[in-house]
């Protein structure tokens, strides 16, 4: 299981969605794709940081971003 998937499953889809100000459906898309959206890398969103805060630092934003970037580049 990827770090992102583990973080979302640990915190809960609804909780991640609420913390990020998005719908649970959007979070399920992240789970399916295995990465955060491209907007994370253009400075338009800060979902990784919000997940880090929600999980009290158990899942570092840097790791979530690195994993997501690798997944997006592999597409």
PDB file of N, CA and C in Angstrom:
ATOM      1  N   UNK A   1       0.854  -1.184   0.000  1.00  0.00           N
ATOM      2  CA  UNK A   1       0.000   0.000   0.000  1.00  0.00           C
ATOM      3  C   UNK A   1       0.895   1.240   0.000  1.00  0.00           C
ATOM      4  N   UNK A   2       0.535   2.194  -0.819  1.00  0.00           N
ATOM      5  CA  UNK A   2       1.319   3.420  -0.913  1.00  0.00           C
ATOM      6  C   UNK A   2       1.171   4.263   0.357  1.00  0.00           C
ATOM      7  N   UNK A   3       2.102   5.157   0.523  1.00  0.00           N
ATOM      8  CA  UNK A   3       2.083   6.064   1.677  1.00  0.00           C
ATOM      9  C   UNK A   3       0.807   6.910   1.678  1.00  0.00           C
ATOM     10  N   UNK A   4       0.429   7.396   0.509  1.00  0.00           N
ATOM     11  CA  UNK A   4      -0.785   8.207   0.402  1.00  0.00           C
ATOM     12  C   UNK A   4      -2.012   7.384   0.771  1.00  0.00           C
ATOM     13  N   UNK A   5      -2.114   6.187   0.220  1.00  0.00           N
ATOM     14  CA  UNK A   5      -3.251   5.327   0.533  1.00  0.00           C
ATOM     15  C   UNK A   5      -3.296   5.005   2.019  1.00  0.00           C
ATOM     16  N   UNK A   6      -2.137   4.723   2.578  1.00  0.00           N
ATOM     17  CA  UNK A   6      -2.076   4.414   4.010  1.00  0.00           C
ATOM     18  C   UNK A   6      -2.516   5.622   4.845  1.00  0.00           C
ATOM     19  N   UNK A   7      -2.080   6.809   4.452  1.00  0.00           N
ATOM     20  CA  UNK A   7      -2.453   8.027   5.182  1.00  0.00           C
ATOM     21  C   UNK A   7      -3.958   8.262   5.118  1.00  0.00           C
ATOM     22  N   UNK A   8      -4.528   8.085   3.936  1.00  0.00           N
ATOM     23  CA  UNK A   8      -5.968   8.314   3.775  1.00  0.00           C
ATOM     24  C   UNK A   8      -6.767   7.271   4.535  1.00  0.00           C
ATOM     25  N   UNK A   9      -6.365   6.019   4.435  1.00  0.00           N
ATOM     26  CA  UNK A   9      -7.079   4.955   5.149  1.00  0.00           C
ATOM     27  C   UNK A   9      -6.962   5.151   6.659  1.00  0.00           C
ATOM     28  N   UNK A  10      -5.802   5.605   7.108  1.00  0.00           N
ATOM     29  CA  UNK A  10      -5.569   5.828   8.536  1.00  0.00           C
ATOM     30  C   UNK A  10      -6.432   6.962   9.080  1.00  0.00           C
ATOM     31  N   UNK A  11      -6.503   8.060   8.336  1.00  0.00           N
ATOM     32  CA  UNK A  11      -7.252   9.231   8.795  1.00  0.00           C
ATOM     33  C   UNK A  11      -8.736   9.128   8.478  1.00  0.00           C
ATOM     34  N   UNK A  12      -9.063   8.447   7.384  1.00  0.00           N
ATOM     35  CA  UNK A  12     -10.453   8.332   6.947  1.00  0.00           C
ATOM     36  C   UNK A  12     -10.724   9.243   5.768  1.00  0.00           C
ATOM     37  N   UNK A  13     -11.423   8.709   4.793  1.00  0.00           N
ATOM     38  CA  UNK A  13     -11.720   9.467   3.571  1.00  0.00           C
ATOM     39  C   UNK A  13     -12.497  10.741   3.886  1.00  0.00           C
ATOM     40  N   UNK A  14     -13.533  10.627   4.689  1.00  0.00           N
ATOM     41  CA  UNK A  14     -14.366  11.796   5.003  1.00  0.00           C
ATOM     42  C   UNK A  14     -13.567  12.868   5.734  1.00  0.00           C
ATOM     43  N   UNK A  15     -12.683  12.443   6.635  1.00  0.00           N
ATOM     44  CA  UNK A  15     -11.873  13.399   7.395  1.00  0.00           C
ATOM     45  C   UNK A  15     -10.866  14.108   6.498  1.00  0.00           C
ATOM     46  N   UNK A  16     -10.232  13.358   5.601  1.00  0.00           N
ATOM     47  CA  UNK A  16      -9.286  13.969   4.661  1.00  0.00           C
ATOM     48  C   UNK A  16     -10.020  14.958   3.756  1.00  0.00           C
ATOM     49  N   UNK A  17     -11.166  14.555   3.265  1.00  0.00           N
ATOM     50  CA  UNK A  17     -11.955  15.440   2.405  1.00  0.00           C
ATOM     51  C   UNK A  17     -12.314  16.731   3.132  1.00  0.00           C
ATOM     52  N   UNK A  18     -12.766  16.613   4.364  1.00  0.00           N
ATOM     53  CA  UNK A  18     -13.144  17.797   5.144  1.00  0.00           C
ATOM     54  C   UNK A  18     -11.935  18.693   5.391  1.00  0.00           C
ATOM     55  N   UNK A  19     -10.802  18.100   5.749  1.00  0.00           N
ATOM     56  CA  UNK A  19      -9.593  18.882   6.029  1.00  0.00           C
ATOM     57  C   UNK A  19      -9.104  19.617   4.782  1.00  0.00           C
ATOM     58  N   UNK A  20      -9.305  19.002   3.619  1.00  0.00           N
ATOM     59  CA  UNK A  20      -8.839  19.587   2.361  1.00  0.00           C
ATOM     60  C   UNK A  20      -9.886  20.460   1.679  1.00  0.00           C
ATOM     61  N   UNK A  21     -11.105  20.447   2.201  1.00  0.00           N
ATOM     62  CA  UNK A  21     -12.166  21.259   1.616  1.00  0.00           C
ATOM     63  C   UNK A  21     -12.642  20.743   0.265  1.00  0.00           C
ATOM     64  N   UNK A  22     -12.629  19.425   0.108  1.00  0.00           N
ATOM     65  CA  UNK A  22     -13.058  18.803  -1.145  1.00  0.00           C
ATOM     66  C   UNK A  22     -14.063  17.699  -0.843  1.00  0.00           C
ATOM     67  N   UNK A  23     -14.575  17.071  -1.871  1.00  0.00           N
ATOM     68  CA  UNK A  23     -15.551  16.000  -1.681  1.00  0.00           C
ATOM     69  C   UNK A  23     -14.845  14.669  -1.420  1.00  0.00           C
ATOM     70  N   UNK A  24     -15.517  13.765  -0.717  1.00  0.00           N
ATOM     71  CA  UNK A  24     -14.956  12.420  -0.542  1.00  0.00           C
ATOM     72  C   UNK A  24     -14.686  11.745  -1.889  1.00  0.00           C
ATOM     73  N   UNK A  25     -15.508  12.028  -2.873  1.00  0.00           N
ATOM     74  CA  UNK A  25     -15.303  11.441  -4.203  1.00  0.00           C
ATOM     75  C   UNK A  25     -13.930  11.814  -4.765  1.00  0.00           C
ATOM     76  N   UNK A  26     -13.505  13.047  -4.548  1.00  0.00           N
ATOM     77  CA  UNK A  26     -12.186  13.478  -5.018  1.00  0.00           C
ATOM     78  C   UNK A  26     -11.082  12.679  -4.332  1.00  0.00           C
ATOM     79  N   UNK A  27     -11.257  12.417  -3.042  1.00  0.00           N
ATOM     80  CA  UNK A  27     -10.262  11.633  -2.301  1.00  0.00           C
ATOM     81  C   UNK A  27     -10.216  10.202  -2.842  1.00  0.00           C
ATOM     82  N   UNK A  28     -11.369   9.645  -3.161  1.00  0.00           N
ATOM     83  CA  UNK A  28     -11.396   8.305  -3.755  1.00  0.00           C
ATOM     84  C   UNK A  28     -10.661   8.280  -5.097  1.00  0.00           C
ATOM     85  N   UNK A  29     -10.700   9.376  -5.835  1.00  0.00           N
ATOM     86  CA  UNK A  29      -9.946   9.457  -7.095  1.00  0.00           C
ATOM     87  C   UNK A  29      -8.443   9.393  -6.818  1.00  0.00           C
ATOM     88  N   UNK A  30      -8.011  10.062  -5.742  1.00  0.00           N
ATOM     89  CA  UNK A  30      -6.599   9.988  -5.361  1.00  0.00           C
ATOM     90  C   UNK A  30      -6.213   8.553  -5.047  1.00  0.00           C
ATOM     91  N   UNK A  31      -7.074   7.869  -4.305  1.00  0.00           N
ATOM     92  CA  UNK A  31      -6.799   6.477  -3.947  1.00  0.00           C
ATOM     93  C   UNK A  31      -6.675   5.612  -5.198  1.00  0.00           C
ATOM     94  N   UNK A  32      -7.572   5.802  -6.129  1.00  0.00           N
ATOM     95  CA  UNK A  32      -7.553   5.009  -7.358  1.00  0.00           C
ATOM     96  C   UNK A  32      -6.303   5.296  -8.183  1.00  0.00           C
ATOM     97  N   UNK A  33      -5.941   6.578  -8.261  1.00  0.00           N
ATOM     98  CA  UNK A  33      -4.791   6.982  -9.062  1.00  0.00           C
ATOM     99  C   UNK A  33      -3.466   6.740  -8.334  1.00  0.00           C
ATOM    100  N   UNK A  34      -3.509   6.742  -7.009  1.00  0.00           N
ATOM    101  CA  UNK A  34      -2.292   6.530  -6.229  1.00  0.00           C
ATOM    102  C   UNK A  34      -1.440   7.769  -6.079  1.00  0.00           C
ATOM    103  N   UNK A  35      -2.046   8.930  -6.315  1.00  0.00           N
ATOM    104  CA  UNK A  35      -1.288  10.174  -6.177  1.00  0.00           C
ATOM    105  C   UNK A  35      -2.217  11.349  -5.909  1.00  0.00           C
ATOM    106  N   UNK A  36      -1.612  12.394  -5.404  1.00  0.00           N
ATOM    107  CA  UNK A  36      -2.320  13.654  -5.236  1.00  0.00           C
ATOM    108  C   UNK A  36      -2.464  14.306  -6.612  1.00  0.00           C
ATOM    109  N   UNK A  37      -3.361  15.267  -6.757  1.00  0.00           N
ATOM    110  CA  UNK A  37      -3.533  15.907  -8.071  1.00  0.00           C
ATOM    111  C   UNK A  37      -2.332  16.770  -8.461  1.00  0.00           C
ATOM    112  N   UNK A  38      -2.224  17.030  -9.748  1.00  0.00           N
ATOM    113  CA  UNK A  38      -1.113  17.836 -10.273  1.00  0.00           C
ATOM    114  C   UNK A  38      -1.083  19.236  -9.680  1.00  0.00           C
ATOM    115  N   UNK A  39      -2.218  19.722  -9.215  1.00  0.00           N
ATOM    116  CA  UNK A  39      -2.267  21.069  -8.637  1.00  0.00           C
ATOM    117  C   UNK A  39      -1.333  21.206  -7.438  1.00  0.00           C
ATOM    118  N   UNK A  40      -0.979  20.092  -6.812  1.00  0.00           N
ATOM    119  CA  UNK A  40      -0.034  20.124  -5.686  1.00  0.00           C
ATOM    120  C   UNK A  40       1.333  20.635  -6.124  1.00  0.00           C
ATOM    121  N   UNK A  41       1.685  20.375  -7.362  1.00  0.00           N
ATOM    122  CA  UNK A  41       3.020  20.711  -7.851  1.00  0.00           C
ATOM    123  C   UNK A  41       3.082  22.070  -8.536  1.00  0.00           C
ATOM    124  N   UNK A  42       1.933  22.702  -8.678  1.00  0.00           N
ATOM    125  CA  UNK A  42       1.872  24.044  -9.261  1.00  0.00           C
ATOM    126  C   UNK A  42       1.571  25.104  -8.212  1.00  0.00           C
ATOM    127  N   UNK A  43       1.549  24.702  -6.954  1.00  0.00           N
ATOM    128  CA  UNK A  43       1.315  25.645  -5.876  1.00  0.00           C
ATOM    129  C   UNK A  43      -0.123  26.099  -5.719  1.00  0.00           C
ATOM    130  N   UNK A  44      -1.041  25.409  -6.378  1.00  0.00           N
ATOM    131  CA  UNK A  44      -2.450  25.797  -6.292  1.00  0.00           C
ATOM    132  C   UNK A  44      -3.159  25.167  -5.100  1.00  0.00           C
ATOM    133  N   UNK A  45      -2.639  24.057  -4.612  1.00  0.00           N
ATOM    134  CA  UNK A  45      -3.236  23.373  -3.459  1.00  0.00           C
ATOM    135  C   UNK A  45      -2.141  22.958  -2.487  1.00  0.00           C
ATOM    136  N   UNK A  46      -2.549  22.632  -1.285  1.00  0.00           N
ATOM    137  CA  UNK A  46      -1.593  22.166  -0.266  1.00  0.00           C
ATOM    138  C   UNK A  46      -2.186  20.977   0.488  1.00  0.00           C
ATOM    139  N   UNK A  47      -2.710  20.028  -0.264  1.00  0.00           N
ATOM    140  CA  UNK A  47      -3.357  18.873   0.343  1.00  0.00           C
ATOM    141  C   UNK A  47      -2.384  18.027   1.162  1.00  0.00           C
ATOM    142  N   UNK A  48      -1.153  17.876   0.681  1.00  0.00           N
ATOM    143  CA  UNK A  48      -0.172  17.068   1.411  1.00  0.00           C
ATOM    144  C   UNK A  48       0.066  17.647   2.803  1.00  0.00           C
ATOM    145  N   UNK A  49       0.181  18.951   2.892  1.00  0.00           N
ATOM    146  CA  UNK A  49       0.386  19.604   4.187  1.00  0.00           C
ATOM    147  C   UNK A  49      -0.832  19.417   5.087  1.00  0.00           C
ATOM    148  N   UNK A  50      -2.007  19.484   4.506  1.00  0.00           N
ATOM    149  CA  UNK A  50      -3.229  19.299   5.295  1.00  0.00           C
ATOM    150  C   UNK A  50      -3.340  17.870   5.808  1.00  0.00           C
ATOM    151  N   UNK A  51      -2.920  16.905   4.989  1.00  0.00           N
ATOM    152  CA  UNK A  51      -2.929  15.506   5.435  1.00  0.00           C
ATOM    153  C   UNK A  51      -1.905  15.311   6.549  1.00  0.00           C
ATOM    154  N   UNK A  52      -0.742  15.936   6.418  1.00  0.00           N
ATOM    155  CA  UNK A  52       0.269  15.847   7.473  1.00  0.00           C
ATOM    156  C   UNK A  52      -0.280  16.411   8.787  1.00  0.00           C
ATOM    157  N   UNK A  53      -0.943  17.545   8.731  1.00  0.00           N
ATOM    158  CA  UNK A  53      -1.531  18.141   9.933  1.00  0.00           C
ATOM    159  C   UNK A  53      -2.624  17.259  10.510  1.00  0.00           C
ATOM    160  N   UNK A  54      -3.470  16.723   9.650  1.00  0.00           N
ATOM    161  CA  UNK A  54      -4.569  15.867  10.090  1.00  0.00           C
ATOM    162  C   UNK A  54      -4.053  14.617  10.795  1.00  0.00           C
ATOM    163  N   UNK A  55      -2.960  14.062  10.294  1.00  0.00           N
ATOM    164  CA  UNK A  55      -2.412  12.832  10.877  1.00  0.00           C
ATOM    165  C   UNK A  55      -1.367  13.118  11.955  1.00  0.00           C
ATOM    166  N   UNK A  56      -1.305  14.354  12.383  1.00  0.00           N
ATOM    167  CA  UNK A  56      -0.379  14.769  13.446  1.00  0.00           C
ATOM    168  C   UNK A  56       1.067  14.412  13.127  1.00  0.00           C
ATOM    169  N   UNK A  57       1.432  14.557  11.864  1.00  0.00           N
ATOM    170  CA  UNK A  57       2.807  14.355  11.440  1.00  0.00           C
ATOM    171  C   UNK A  57       3.209  12.924  11.144  1.00  0.00           C
ATOM    172  N   UNK A  58       2.296  11.985  11.279  1.00  0.00           N
ATOM    173  CA  UNK A  58       2.649  10.585  10.998  1.00  0.00           C
ATOM    174  C   UNK A  58       2.972  10.374   9.524  1.00  0.00           C
ATOM    175  N   UNK A  59       2.394  11.196   8.664  1.00  0.00           N
ATOM    176  CA  UNK A  59       2.641  11.096   7.231  1.00  0.00           C
ATOM    177  C   UNK A  59       3.134  12.455   6.751  1.00  0.00           C
ATOM    178  N   UNK A  60       4.432  12.554   6.520  1.00  0.00           N
ATOM    179  CA  UNK A  60       5.058  13.825   6.162  1.00  0.00           C
ATOM    180  C   UNK A  60       4.658  14.267   4.755  1.00  0.00           C
ATOM    181  N   UNK A  61       4.389  15.548   4.634  1.00  0.00           N
ATOM    182  CA  UNK A  61       4.000  16.118   3.341  1.00  0.00           C
ATOM    183  C   UNK A  61       5.066  15.851   2.282  1.00  0.00           C
ATOM    184  N   UNK A  62       6.333  15.955   2.656  1.00  0.00           N
ATOM    185  CA  UNK A  62       7.420  15.733   1.694  1.00  0.00           C
ATOM    186  C   UNK A  62       7.368  14.327   1.107  1.00  0.00           C
ATOM    187  N   UNK A  63       7.105  13.341   1.954  1.00  0.00           N
ATOM    188  CA  UNK A  63       7.023  11.953   1.473  1.00  0.00           C
ATOM    189  C   UNK A  63       5.809  11.759   0.571  1.00  0.00           C
ATOM    190  N   UNK A  64       4.681  12.338   0.970  1.00  0.00           N
ATOM    191  CA  UNK A  64       3.466  12.214   0.158  1.00  0.00           C
ATOM    192  C   UNK A  64       3.665  12.853  -1.217  1.00  0.00           C
ATOM    193  N   UNK A  65       4.318  14.004  -1.235  1.00  0.00           N
ATOM    194  CA  UNK A  65       4.568  14.693  -2.503  1.00  0.00           C
ATOM    195  C   UNK A  65       5.556  13.925  -3.377  1.00  0.00           C
ATOM    196  N   UNK A  66       6.621  13.409  -2.760  1.00  0.00           N
ATOM    197  CA  UNK A  66       7.621  12.654  -3.526  1.00  0.00           C
ATOM    198  C   UNK A  66       6.999  11.414  -4.155  1.00  0.00           C
ATOM    199  N   UNK A  67       6.196  10.714  -3.387  1.00  0.00           N
ATOM    200  CA  UNK A  67       5.536   9.517  -3.902  1.00  0.00           C
ATOM    201  C   UNK A  67       4.553   9.873  -5.023  1.00  0.00           C
ATOM    202  N   UNK A  68       3.790  10.929  -4.828  1.00  0.00           N
ATOM    203  CA  UNK A  68       2.824  11.351  -5.848  1.00  0.00           C
ATOM    204  C   UNK A  68       3.529  11.783  -7.127  1.00  0.00           C
ATOM    205  N   UNK A  69       4.627  12.494  -6.966  1.00  0.00           N
ATOM    206  CA  UNK A  69       5.374  12.944  -8.138  1.00  0.00           C
ATOM    207  C   UNK A  69       5.912  11.750  -8.921  1.00  0.00           C
ATOM    208  N   UNK A  70       6.452  10.771  -8.223  1.00  0.00           N
ATOM    209  CA  UNK A  70       6.965   9.573  -8.890  1.00  0.00           C
ATOM    210  C   UNK A  70       5.847   8.848  -9.637  1.00  0.00           C
ATOM    211  N   UNK A  71       4.690   8.768  -9.024  1.00  0.00           N
ATOM    212  CA  UNK A  71       3.548   8.104  -9.653  1.00  0.00           C
ATOM    213  C   UNK A  71       3.091   8.864 -10.901  1.00  0.00           C
ATOM    214  N   UNK A  72       3.033  10.174 -10.810  1.00  0.00           N
ATOM    215  CA  UNK A  72       2.603  10.980 -11.961  1.00  0.00           C
ATOM    216  C   UNK A  72       3.604  10.897 -13.115  1.00  0.00           C
ATOM    217  N   UNK A  73       4.889  10.860 -12.785  1.00  0.00           N
ATOM    218  CA  UNK A  73       5.911  10.770 -13.828  1.00  0.00           C
ATOM    219  C   UNK A  73       5.917   9.405 -14.503  1.00  0.00           C
ATOM    220  N   UNK A  74       5.468   8.397 -13.785  1.00  0.00           N
ATOM    221  CA  UNK A  74       5.437   7.038 -14.332  1.00  0.00           C
ATOM    222  C   UNK A  74       4.283   6.833 -15.308  1.00  0.00           C
ATOM    223  N   UNK A  75       3.337   7.744 -15.325  1.00  0.00           N
ATOM    224  CA  UNK A  75       2.159   7.595 -16.207  1.00  0.00           C
ATOM    225  C   UNK A  75       2.509   7.792 -17.655  1.00  0.00           C
TER     226      UNK A  75
END
